[in-house]
Protein backbone atom coordinates (compact mmCIF):
# COMPACT_ATOMS: atom_id res chain seq x y z
CA UNK A 1 -21.02 -6.80 -10.17
CA UNK A 2 -20.81 -3.00 -10.11
CA UNK A 3 -23.70 -1.38 -11.96
CA UNK A 4 -22.59 2.26 -11.92
CA UNK A 5 -19.89 4.60 -10.63
CA UNK A 6 -20.65 8.17 -9.57
CA UNK A 7 -18.40 11.05 -8.53
CA UNK A 8 -20.37 13.51 -6.36
CA UNK A 9 -19.37 16.84 -4.86
CA UNK A 10 -20.24 18.08 -1.36
CA UNK A 11 -23.41 19.78 -2.63
CA UNK A 12 -24.84 16.43 -3.69
CA UNK A 13 -24.39 17.14 -7.40
CA UNK A 14 -23.23 14.36 -9.72
CA UNK A 15 -20.02 15.55 -11.38
CA UNK A 16 -19.41 12.43 -13.48
CA UNK A 17 -21.32 9.16 -13.78
CA UNK A 18 -20.70 5.97 -15.74
CA UNK A 19 -23.42 3.34 -16.07
CA UNK A 20 -22.17 -0.18 -16.79
CA UNK A 21 -25.58 -1.81 -16.30
CA UNK A 22 -29.11 -0.44 -16.31
CA UNK A 23 -30.50 -2.12 -13.18
CA UNK A 24 -30.09 0.84 -10.78
CA UNK A 25 -32.93 3.33 -11.20
CA UNK A 26 -32.42 7.08 -11.29
CA UNK A 27 -34.97 7.55 -8.50
CA UNK A 28 -32.89 5.30 -6.23
CA UNK A 29 -29.79 7.38 -6.92
CA UNK A 30 -31.74 10.55 -6.07
CA UNK A 31 -32.76 9.00 -2.74
CA UNK A 32 -29.13 8.26 -1.95
CA UNK A 33 -28.14 11.84 -2.77
CA UNK A 34 -30.93 13.25 -0.63
CA UNK A 35 -30.76 10.92 2.37
CA UNK A 36 -26.98 10.43 2.64
CA UNK A 37 -24.91 13.07 0.84
CA UNK A 38 -27.16 16.11 1.29
CA UNK A 39 -27.63 15.51 5.02
CA UNK A 40 -23.86 15.60 5.54
CA UNK A 41 -23.98 12.55 7.81
CA UNK A 42 -21.48 10.49 5.85
CA UNK A 43 -18.79 10.75 8.50
CA UNK A 44 -21.02 9.30 11.23
CA UNK A 45 -22.68 6.55 9.15
CA UNK A 46 -21.26 3.30 7.69
CA UNK A 47 -20.03 3.70 4.08
CA UNK A 48 -22.53 1.11 2.81
CA UNK A 49 -26.24 1.89 2.31
CA UNK A 50 -29.04 -0.32 1.01
CA UNK A 51 -31.81 1.65 -0.73
CA UNK A 52 -34.64 -0.09 -2.62
CA UNK A 53 -32.57 -3.23 -3.16
CA UNK A 54 -29.51 -1.32 -4.43
CA UNK A 55 -26.26 -1.17 -2.45
CA UNK A 56 -24.29 2.08 -2.44
CA UNK A 57 -20.67 1.99 -1.30
CA UNK A 58 -18.64 5.18 -1.15
CA UNK A 59 -15.38 6.78 -0.03
CA UNK A 60 -14.48 10.43 0.35
CA UNK A 61 -11.50 12.10 -1.30
CA UNK A 62 -10.88 15.81 -0.77
CA UNK A 63 -14.18 17.54 -1.64
CA UNK A 64 -15.60 14.59 -3.61
CA UNK A 65 -17.38 11.31 -2.98
CA UNK A 66 -16.66 8.27 -5.14
CA UNK A 67 -19.73 6.03 -5.13
CA UNK A 68 -20.29 2.55 -6.57
CA UNK A 69 -23.83 1.20 -6.94
CA UNK A 70 -24.83 -2.44 -7.44
CA UNK A 71 -27.78 -4.80 -7.07
CA UNK A 72 -25.61 -7.91 -6.80
CA UNK A 73 -24.20 -9.59 -3.70
CA UNK A 74 -20.73 -8.22 -4.42
CA UNK A 75 -17.68 -8.45 -2.20
CA UNK A 76 -17.54 -5.00 -0.52
CA UNK A 77 -13.75 -5.16 -0.03
CA UNK A 78 -13.32 -5.54 -3.79
CA UNK A 79 -15.47 -2.46 -4.40
CA UNK A 80 -13.62 -0.32 -1.85
CA UNK A 81 -10.27 -1.44 -3.26
CA UNK A 82 -11.44 -0.45 -6.73
CA UNK A 83 -12.55 2.99 -5.50
CA UNK A 84 -9.22 3.57 -3.74
CA UNK A 85 -7.34 2.46 -6.85
CA UNK A 86 -9.44 4.94 -8.83
CA UNK A 87 -8.27 7.73 -6.51
CA UNK A 88 -4.64 6.73 -7.08
CA UNK A 89 -5.13 6.58 -10.86
CA UNK A 90 -6.78 10.00 -11.09
CA UNK A 91 -4.15 11.54 -8.80
CA UNK A 92 -1.37 10.13 -11.01
CA UNK A 93 -2.95 11.37 -14.25
CA UNK A 94 -4.26 14.78 -13.16
CA UNK A 95 -2.08 16.12 -10.34
CA UNK A 96 1.14 14.05 -10.30
CA UNK A 97 0.00 11.93 -7.32
CA UNK A 98 -1.31 14.92 -5.35
CA UNK A 99 -4.97 15.05 -4.24
CA UNK A 100 -7.23 15.97 -7.15
CA UNK A 101 -10.35 18.12 -6.92
CA UNK A 102 -13.57 18.72 -8.84
CA UNK A 103 -11.96 21.26 -11.16
CA UNK A 104 -9.42 18.69 -12.37
CA UNK A 105 -12.22 16.31 -13.35
CA UNK A 106 -14.17 18.98 -15.22
CA UNK A 107 -11.06 19.96 -17.19
CA UNK A 108 -10.37 16.35 -18.20
CA UNK A 109 -13.83 14.89 -18.86
CA UNK A 110 -12.74 12.91 -21.92
CA UNK A 111 -9.77 11.40 -20.11
CA UNK A 112 -11.93 10.50 -17.09
CA UNK A 113 -14.40 8.54 -19.22
CA UNK A 114 -11.55 6.85 -21.07
CA UNK A 115 -10.04 5.77 -17.75
CA UNK A 116 -13.42 4.53 -16.52
CA UNK A 117 -13.84 2.37 -19.62
CA UNK A 118 -10.30 0.98 -19.40
CA UNK A 119 -10.53 0.21 -15.67
CA UNK A 120 -13.87 -1.59 -15.78
CA UNK A 121 -15.69 -3.76 -18.32
CA UNK A 122 -19.39 -4.48 -17.85
CA UNK A 123 -19.07 -3.89 -14.11
CA UNK A 124 -15.98 -6.05 -13.61
CA UNK A 125 -12.73 -4.29 -12.62
CA UNK A 126 -9.98 -4.87 -15.17
CA UNK A 127 -6.83 -2.74 -15.41
CA UNK A 128 -5.86 -0.63 -12.40
CA UNK A 129 -2.09 -0.54 -12.88
CA UNK A 130 -1.02 3.07 -13.40
CA UNK A 131 2.03 2.18 -15.48
CA UNK A 132 -0.05 0.06 -17.89
CA UNK A 133 -2.71 2.77 -18.26
CA UNK A 134 -0.05 5.44 -18.72
CA UNK A 135 1.53 3.42 -21.53
CA UNK A 136 -1.59 2.98 -23.63
CA UNK A 137 -3.57 6.15 -22.92
CA UNK A 138 -2.30 9.20 -24.75
CA UNK A 139 -2.54 12.30 -22.56
CA UNK A 140 -2.04 14.63 -25.53
CA UNK A 141 -5.27 13.54 -27.14
CA UNK A 142 -5.93 10.78 -29.61
CA UNK A 143 -4.88 7.16 -29.41
CA UNK A 144 -1.63 5.45 -30.11
CA UNK A 145 -1.22 3.98 -33.57
CA UNK A 146 -1.35 0.31 -32.67
CA UNK A 147 -3.36 -0.69 -35.74
CA UNK A 148 -0.41 -0.15 -38.07
CA UNK A 149 2.02 -2.30 -36.07
CA UNK A 150 1.02 -5.95 -35.44
CA UNK A 151 3.92 -6.37 -33.00
CA UNK A 152 2.65 -3.50 -30.81
CA UNK A 153 -0.84 -5.03 -30.84
CA UNK A 154 0.61 -8.30 -29.64
CA UNK A 155 2.58 -6.56 -26.91
CA UNK A 156 -0.56 -4.79 -25.71
CA UNK A 157 -2.59 -7.98 -25.59
CA UNK A 158 0.08 -10.00 -23.80
CA UNK A 159 0.74 -7.26 -21.26
CA UNK A 160 -2.88 -6.76 -20.29
CA UNK A 161 -3.91 -10.43 -20.25
CA UNK A 162 -0.59 -11.98 -19.24
CA UNK A 163 0.67 -12.98 -15.82
CA UNK A 164 3.07 -10.01 -15.66
CA UNK A 165 0.95 -7.07 -16.75
CA UNK A 166 3.00 -4.53 -14.78
CA UNK A 167 6.04 -4.83 -17.06
CA UNK A 168 6.30 -5.11 -20.84
CA UNK A 169 9.00 -6.94 -22.71
CA UNK A 170 11.74 -5.27 -24.69
CA UNK A 171 12.64 -2.55 -22.15
CA UNK A 172 16.19 -1.28 -22.53
CA UNK A 173 18.21 1.26 -20.55
CA UNK A 174 21.70 2.60 -21.14
CA UNK A 175 22.42 2.42 -17.42
CA UNK A 176 20.91 -0.26 -15.20
CA UNK A 177 20.12 1.44 -11.91
CA UNK A 178 17.96 0.84 -8.84
CA UNK A 179 17.08 3.51 -6.26
CA UNK A 180 15.69 2.33 -2.92
CA UNK A 181 14.04 4.75 -0.49
CA UNK A 182 13.01 3.56 2.97
CA UNK A 183 10.51 5.95 4.57
CA UNK A 184 9.44 5.64 8.21
CA UNK A 185 6.82 7.56 10.18
CA UNK A 186 7.30 7.46 13.95
CA UNK A 187 4.11 7.54 16.02
CA UNK A 188 4.40 8.30 19.73
CA UNK A 189 2.00 9.10 22.53
CA UNK A 190 3.68 9.72 25.87
CA UNK A 191 1.98 10.54 29.17
CA UNK A 192 2.86 13.52 31.34
CA UNK A 193 4.80 11.18 33.65
CA UNK A 194 7.02 9.90 30.85
CA UNK A 195 5.22 6.59 30.31
CA UNK A 196 4.94 5.48 26.67
CA UNK A 197 1.27 4.82 25.86
CA UNK A 198 1.67 4.12 22.16
CA UNK A 199 4.81 3.74 20.08
CA UNK A 200 5.05 2.29 16.58
CA UNK A 201 6.70 2.84 13.23
CA UNK A 202 4.90 2.74 9.88
CA UNK A 203 7.36 2.19 7.06
CA UNK A 204 7.34 1.74 3.32
CA UNK A 205 9.94 0.89 0.68
CA UNK A 206 9.78 2.89 -2.55
CA UNK A 207 11.83 1.67 -5.49
CA UNK A 208 12.76 3.24 -8.81
CA UNK A 209 14.06 0.61 -11.20
CA UNK A 210 15.63 1.26 -14.58
CA UNK A 211 16.60 -2.25 -15.66
CA UNK A 212 16.91 -3.86 -19.08
CA UNK A 213 14.85 -6.90 -20.06
CA UNK A 214 12.80 -8.97 -17.60
CA UNK A 215 15.08 -9.29 -14.56
CA UNK A 216 14.22 -11.11 -11.37
CA UNK A 217 15.14 -9.32 -8.14
CA UNK A 218 15.69 -10.67 -4.65
CA UNK A 219 15.37 -8.14 -1.84
CA UNK A 220 16.42 -8.61 1.76
CA UNK A 221 15.94 -6.67 4.98
CA UNK A 222 17.33 -7.43 8.40
CA UNK A 223 14.21 -9.43 9.22
CA UNK A 224 14.53 -11.34 12.48
CA UNK A 225 13.05 -14.58 11.15
CA UNK A 226 15.33 -14.65 8.11
CA UNK A 227 18.49 -13.90 10.07
CA UNK A 228 17.70 -16.51 12.72
CA UNK A 229 17.10 -19.05 9.97
CA UNK A 230 20.43 -18.20 8.37
CA UNK A 231 22.21 -18.58 11.73
CA UNK A 232 20.65 -22.00 12.23
CA UNK A 233 21.75 -23.10 8.76
CA UNK A 234 25.32 -21.94 9.45
CA UNK A 235 25.37 -23.81 12.76
CA UNK A 236 24.05 -27.02 11.23
CA UNK A 237 26.53 -26.87 8.34
CA UNK A 238 29.62 -25.95 10.41
CA UNK A 239 28.67 -27.47 13.73
CA UNK A 240 29.96 -24.37 15.55
CA UNK A 241 28.23 -21.93 17.85
CA UNK A 242 27.37 -18.56 16.34
CA UNK A 243 30.06 -16.02 17.12
CA UNK A 244 29.52 -12.82 19.07
CA UNK A 245 29.44 -10.68 15.96
CA UNK A 246 26.46 -12.63 14.60
CA UNK A 247 24.71 -12.53 17.97
CA UNK A 248 25.00 -8.75 18.16
CA UNK A 249 23.62 -8.16 14.68
CA UNK A 250 20.69 -5.79 14.73
CA UNK A 251 17.52 -7.46 13.52
CA UNK A 252 13.90 -6.37 13.63
CA UNK A 253 10.60 -8.16 13.83
CA UNK A 254 8.14 -7.00 11.17
CA UNK A 255 4.61 -7.12 12.56
CA UNK A 256 2.55 -6.46 9.44
CA UNK A 257 3.69 -6.57 5.82
CA UNK A 258 1.88 -5.78 2.59
CA UNK A 259 3.48 -6.02 -0.83
CA UNK A 260 3.14 -4.83 -4.39
CA UNK A 261 1.43 -7.40 -6.57
CA UNK A 262 4.70 -8.14 -8.36
CA UNK A 263 6.03 -9.91 -5.23
CA UNK A 264 5.69 -13.68 -5.15
CA UNK A 265 3.72 -14.14 -1.96
CA UNK A 266 3.97 -17.92 -2.00
CA UNK A 267 7.75 -17.76 -1.80
CA UNK A 268 7.58 -15.17 0.98
CA UNK A 269 5.24 -17.36 3.04
CA UNK A 270 7.62 -20.32 2.72
CA UNK A 271 11.06 -18.80 3.36
CA UNK A 272 10.40 -15.06 3.93
CA UNK A 273 12.34 -14.04 0.81
CA UNK A 274 11.04 -11.10 -1.25
CA UNK A 275 11.34 -12.14 -4.90
CA UNK A 276 9.79 -10.15 -7.75
CA UNK A 277 10.00 -8.95 -11.33
CA UNK A 278 9.88 -5.16 -10.87
CA UNK A 279 7.81 -2.65 -12.85
CA UNK A 280 9.78 -0.12 -14.84
CA UNK A 281 10.02 3.19 -12.99
CA UNK A 282 8.75 4.09 -9.51
CA UNK A 283 6.55 1.82 -7.41
CA UNK A 284 5.88 0.96 -3.77
CA UNK A 285 7.43 -2.42 -3.04
CA UNK A 286 6.11 -2.98 0.47
CA UNK A 287 4.72 -1.52 3.68
CA UNK A 288 5.49 -2.69 7.19
CA UNK A 289 4.76 -1.89 10.83
CA UNK A 290 7.03 -2.29 13.86
CA UNK A 291 5.94 -1.83 17.48
CA UNK A 292 8.94 -3.04 19.51
CA UNK A 293 12.52 -1.89 20.14
CA UNK A 294 12.00 1.55 18.60
CA UNK A 295 14.71 4.17 19.00
CA UNK A 296 12.95 7.49 19.49
CA UNK A 297 14.73 10.28 17.55
CA UNK A 298 13.78 12.93 20.14
CA UNK A 299 13.19 12.79 23.87
CA UNK A 300 11.07 15.66 25.15
CA UNK A 301 10.45 16.36 28.84
CA UNK A 302 7.90 19.15 29.42
CA UNK A 303 7.08 20.84 32.72
CA UNK A 304 4.13 23.20 33.25
CA UNK A 305 3.48 25.24 36.38
CA UNK A 306 0.36 27.36 36.76
CA UNK A 307 1.08 30.35 39.01
CA UNK A 308 -2.34 31.51 40.09
CA UNK A 309 -4.79 32.65 37.45
CA UNK A 310 -2.61 35.13 35.63
CA UNK A 311 0.64 33.33 34.79
CA UNK A 312 1.87 29.98 33.47
CA UNK A 313 5.52 28.88 33.32
CA UNK A 314 6.50 26.29 30.72
CA UNK A 315 9.88 24.60 30.35
CA UNK A 316 10.72 21.93 27.83
CA UNK A 317 13.91 19.91 27.49
CA UNK A 318 14.50 18.50 24.00
CA UNK A 319 17.35 16.07 23.30
CA UNK A 320 18.28 14.42 20.00
CA UNK A 321 19.02 10.73 20.53
CA UNK A 322 20.59 9.93 17.15
CA UNK A 323 24.26 10.12 16.19
CA UNK A 324 26.16 13.39 16.26
CA UNK A 325 27.02 12.79 12.61
CA UNK A 326 23.35 13.24 11.62
CA UNK A 327 20.98 16.21 11.56
CA UNK A 328 17.23 16.61 11.87
CA UNK A 329 15.81 19.07 9.36
CA UNK A 330 12.75 21.31 9.67
CA UNK A 331 12.04 20.54 13.33
CA UNK A 332 8.80 22.13 14.55
CA UNK A 333 7.75 21.88 18.21
CA UNK A 334 4.28 23.19 19.08
CA UNK A 335 3.87 23.93 22.80
CA UNK A 336 0.20 24.60 23.68
CA UNK A 337 -0.78 27.57 25.84
CA UNK A 338 -4.13 28.56 27.41
CA UNK A 339 -6.65 30.18 25.03
CA UNK A 340 -6.73 33.40 27.09
CA UNK A 341 -3.01 34.04 26.64
CA UNK A 342 -2.13 37.73 26.41
CA UNK A 343 1.62 37.57 25.72
CA UNK A 344 4.58 35.20 25.94
CA UNK A 345 8.22 35.73 26.80
CA UNK A 346 10.16 32.89 25.18
CA UNK A 347 13.80 31.87 25.46
CA UNK A 348 15.49 29.32 23.23
CA UNK A 349 19.20 28.67 22.49
CA UNK A 350 18.72 28.50 18.71
CA UNK A 351 16.00 28.55 16.09
CA UNK A 352 12.99 30.86 15.90
CA UNK A 353 10.14 30.88 18.41
CA UNK A 354 6.85 32.73 18.14
CA UNK A 355 3.48 32.74 19.84
CA UNK A 356 0.77 32.00 17.25
CA UNK A 357 -2.71 32.81 18.64
CA UNK A 358 -4.57 31.02 15.82
CA UNK A 359 -2.87 27.75 16.84
CA UNK A 360 -3.11 28.47 20.56
CA UNK A 361 0.51 27.46 20.86
CA UNK A 362 4.08 28.70 20.96
CA UNK A 363 5.81 27.33 17.87
CA UNK A 364 9.54 26.65 17.97
CA UNK A 365 11.06 26.19 14.50
CA UNK A 366 14.57 24.78 14.08
CA UNK A 367 16.01 24.53 10.60
CA UNK A 368 18.68 21.99 11.58
CA UNK A 369 18.98 20.13 14.89
CA UNK A 370 22.31 18.36 15.40
CA UNK A 371 22.33 14.83 16.76
CA UNK A 372 23.35 14.00 20.34
CA UNK A 373 22.59 17.57 21.51
CA UNK A 374 20.16 19.04 23.99
CA UNK A 375 18.20 22.30 24.03
CA UNK A 376 16.07 23.98 26.69
CA UNK A 377 12.90 25.94 25.92
CA UNK A 378 11.28 28.21 28.47
CA UNK A 379 8.26 30.49 28.28
CA UNK A 380 6.53 32.87 30.69
CA UNK A 381 2.88 33.13 29.69
CA UNK A 382 0.72 36.01 30.90
CA UNK A 383 -3.02 35.42 30.92
CA UNK A 384 -5.89 37.85 30.56
CA UNK A 385 -8.51 37.69 33.33
CA UNK A 386 -11.80 36.11 32.27
CA UNK A 387 -15.27 36.27 33.73
CA UNK A 388 -15.87 32.55 33.37
CA UNK A 389 -13.17 30.35 34.76
CA UNK A 390 -12.46 27.43 32.46
CA UNK A 391 -10.06 24.63 33.24
CA UNK A 392 -7.26 24.44 30.69
CA UNK A 393 -7.45 21.06 28.96
CA UNK A 394 -3.68 20.97 28.35
CA UNK A 395 -3.37 19.60 24.80
CA UNK A 396 -0.22 17.57 24.06
CA UNK A 397 3.04 18.92 22.69
CA UNK A 398 3.38 17.95 19.01
CA UNK A 399 6.67 17.52 17.18
CA UNK A 400 7.54 17.44 13.48
CA UNK A 401 10.94 16.48 12.08
CA UNK A 402 12.81 14.78 9.26
CA UNK A 403 16.04 12.82 9.75
CA UNK A 404 18.00 11.57 6.74
CA UNK A 405 19.92 8.27 6.72
CA UNK A 406 18.28 7.13 9.96
CA UNK A 407 15.61 4.56 10.81
CA UNK A 408 13.89 4.54 14.18
CA UNK A 409 13.04 0.85 13.86
CA UNK A 410 16.55 -0.22 12.92
CA UNK A 411 15.46 -1.57 9.54
CA UNK A 412 18.14 -1.58 6.88
CA UNK A 413 18.54 -3.09 3.44
CA UNK A 414 20.88 -6.08 3.52
CA UNK A 415 20.99 -6.85 -0.19
CA UNK A 416 19.33 -6.46 -3.57
CA UNK A 417 20.30 -9.06 -6.13
CA UNK A 418 19.36 -8.68 -9.79
CA UNK A 419 19.29 -11.79 -11.99
CA UNK A 420 19.10 -11.45 -15.77
CA UNK A 421 20.08 -13.66 -18.69
CA UNK A 422 22.62 -11.15 -19.99
CA UNK A 423 24.26 -10.82 -16.54
CA UNK A 424 24.70 -7.03 -16.66
CA UNK A 425 26.00 -4.98 -13.73
CA UNK A 426 23.50 -2.95 -11.70
CA UNK A 427 24.15 0.22 -9.72
CA UNK A 428 22.23 0.43 -6.45
CA UNK A 429 21.53 3.38 -4.14
CA UNK A 430 19.76 3.25 -0.77
CA UNK A 431 18.37 6.18 1.20
CA UNK A 432 16.67 6.22 4.63
CA UNK A 433 14.28 8.96 5.76
CA UNK A 434 12.54 9.10 9.14
CA UNK A 435 9.70 11.55 9.74
CA UNK A 436 7.31 12.31 12.56
CA UNK A 437 3.87 10.81 12.29
CA UNK A 438 1.69 11.54 15.33
CA UNK A 439 4.46 12.46 17.75
CA UNK A 440 2.77 13.77 20.90
CA UNK A 441 3.79 14.29 24.52
CA UNK A 442 1.12 15.10 27.09
CA UNK A 443 1.77 17.88 29.61
């Protein structure tokens, strides 16, 4: 399996290394540093290199490279998954899930080596669950006193080696609550003629569970396959045709789904039900992608007219296509202008607009954009004469926004059922947030 793990900075210096086996020579590592890292060709080369019979697999995070070396015929997907899990673990421990840097590793050398030893044993990945590591690694220094309590030792062993290592037994909460956040990123690429070239939604469901005991949860979305199956079962049992209300129910077709390891995939493959025993606290339940029947939050129609070589007129019509009861927060529309722009005269009905030369764009910032409204942007751009005439490439208009309690795909949570032996009542809250991913309109 994996013989060694290295963390290397952009200069080609080894910040931290952990050797699990002694079959990778130091001279081979030096060749990798010289031929791959030091030449700064990592972005243009495959992330797997074979040097003197040793395979080096690496990923880049911020200003660091995480490298795994082996001489075995190992599954590369397993190695890359381990390296990505390592990034998530270090981000959770050092920077509260924000990207960590070299300085964070140097300040926490002891903790880094402790995490390396817990996550891998003799080259075989072991524990990569953040909640399990956070329970049994003391951030304040020292170890937890498990030796004095046989019950705690048993709990540790059963949690790490058991089938449900993401949740320990004996958890109790005064209030049993579940918070569900549905986040969606809308990606759009539209041509200058208004034709949609690419349009998809990347979504994820984040849950925060504070439940007593070992409950089993059943989670349901308005998945098209599930709802059609339920309609067929109702028709077969009642012998009646589905009424108009059922026919008009909004359902979506999930293209790709990936789940947290607590979800029972076998049950999902059979009847598309999401059943799981949740971890305690925050975790990502699932990710999905939708590419059909997407309701675009904003429709933007740009028009650019070049008046000779000294002036450009730009108009842009922006309309919010969601309900008037909703608002889009922190809307930013970047309208590109030629690089030889001298000055801009801008007119907008609300918000703040400013020409920013470093971005080569006029940036229109709107703190709150009401739904079902329309706004018109216009700009008169004066150009400075240049010796060399260059054709303006016309970069696309980019849009940023955030809309609460709205989903562009139409996904919504139908139910969350919590089953426990004690039969306690659970409070549930659901929130929807839609943000702009790569939202671009060509001009």
